[in-house]
Amino acid sequence: MYYPQDIGSNMDGLLRLVKILQIADANNVAIPANCPNNEIFGDRVIIPHARDVKTAKEKLANTGKDYQCLNWCLCYKKL
């Protein structure tokens, strides 16, 4: 696993890394950089992108209900 050297350099950073990995695994999401202080997403997480055109169109049509999308492949939500 590769990650920036400043993460995990102290106990707080290491605990944050473990929590983020657990959240990502349990919810099938990606965690944006510098979460929960990300400039674009804040404390929201990134949901997996659509793997086909039909799913992408459905995602865009449902934007605003459970999640928000910046475009067809980059959508995010609150946990």
Protein backbone atom coordinates (compact mmCIF):
# COMPACT_ATOMS: atom_id res chain seq x y z
CA MET A 1 0.00 0.00 0.00
CA TYR A 2 1.29 3.46 -0.88
CA TYR A 3 0.21 6.58 0.97
CA PRO A 4 1.78 9.95 1.79
CA GLN A 5 4.47 9.75 4.45
CA ASP A 6 2.78 12.35 6.63
CA ILE A 7 -0.19 9.99 7.15
CA GLY A 8 0.53 7.53 9.87
CA SER A 9 3.54 9.43 11.16
CA ASN A 10 1.81 9.72 14.53
CA MET A 11 -0.93 7.81 16.29
CA ASP A 12 -3.72 10.25 15.30
CA GLY A 13 -2.78 9.94 11.63
CA LEU A 14 -2.64 6.17 11.82
CA LEU A 15 -6.06 5.95 13.53
CA ARG A 16 -7.53 8.29 10.90
CA LEU A 17 -6.14 6.05 8.15
CA VAL A 18 -7.65 2.91 9.71
CA LYS A 19 -11.06 4.59 10.17
CA ILE A 20 -11.07 5.81 6.56
CA LEU A 21 -10.20 2.36 5.24
CA GLN A 22 -12.97 0.81 7.35
CA ILE A 23 -15.54 3.35 6.12
CA ALA A 24 -14.52 2.82 2.49
CA ASP A 25 -14.72 -0.95 2.80
CA ALA A 26 -18.01 -1.10 4.72
CA ASN A 27 -19.85 1.35 2.45
CA ASN A 28 -18.26 0.60 -0.95
CA VAL A 29 -17.18 4.22 -1.38
CA ALA A 30 -13.99 6.17 -1.95
CA ILE A 31 -12.78 8.75 0.52
CA PRO A 32 -11.57 12.04 -0.99
CA ALA A 33 -8.20 13.48 -0.04
CA ASN A 34 -8.06 15.46 3.20
CA CYS A 35 -11.48 14.18 4.30
CA PRO A 36 -13.44 15.54 6.18
CA ASN A 37 -11.92 18.89 5.20
CA ASN A 38 -11.91 18.42 1.42
CA GLU A 39 -12.51 21.73 -0.39
CA ILE A 40 -15.01 20.26 -2.87
CA PHE A 41 -16.67 17.36 -1.06
CA GLY A 42 -16.34 18.34 2.60
CA ASP A 43 -17.26 15.31 4.69
CA ARG A 44 -19.07 13.53 1.83
CA VAL A 45 -17.78 10.37 0.16
CA ILE A 46 -17.42 9.43 -3.51
CA ILE A 47 -19.63 6.66 -4.85
CA PRO A 48 -18.38 4.24 -7.52
CA HIS A 49 -18.80 5.42 -11.11
CA ALA A 50 -21.26 3.84 -13.52
CA ARG A 51 -19.86 0.95 -15.54
CA ASP A 52 -22.19 1.39 -18.50
CA VAL A 53 -24.11 4.14 -20.30
CA LYS A 54 -27.55 3.03 -19.03
CA THR A 55 -26.45 3.19 -15.37
CA ALA A 56 -24.76 6.56 -15.95
CA LYS A 57 -27.97 8.01 -17.40
CA GLU A 58 -30.01 6.62 -14.49
CA LYS A 59 -27.54 8.12 -12.01
CA LEU A 60 -27.74 11.55 -13.62
CA ALA A 61 -31.55 11.37 -13.71
CA ASN A 62 -31.66 10.61 -9.98
CA THR A 63 -29.18 13.29 -8.94
CA GLY A 64 -30.41 15.23 -5.95
CA LYS A 65 -32.30 12.42 -4.24
CA ASP A 66 -29.63 10.36 -2.50
CA TYR A 67 -26.50 11.88 -4.00
CA GLN A 68 -25.10 14.71 -6.11
CA CYS A 69 -23.10 14.40 -9.34
CA LEU A 70 -20.54 16.74 -10.82
CA ASN A 71 -20.71 14.75 -14.08
CA TRP A 72 -21.60 11.23 -15.24
CA CYS A 73 -18.66 9.60 -13.47
CA LEU A 74 -18.13 11.65 -10.30
CA CYS A 75 -20.94 11.45 -7.77
CA TYR A 76 -20.84 11.92 -4.02
CA LYS A 77 -23.11 11.52 -1.00
CA LYS A 78 -23.30 11.89 2.76
CA LEU A 79 -22.89 8.70 4.73
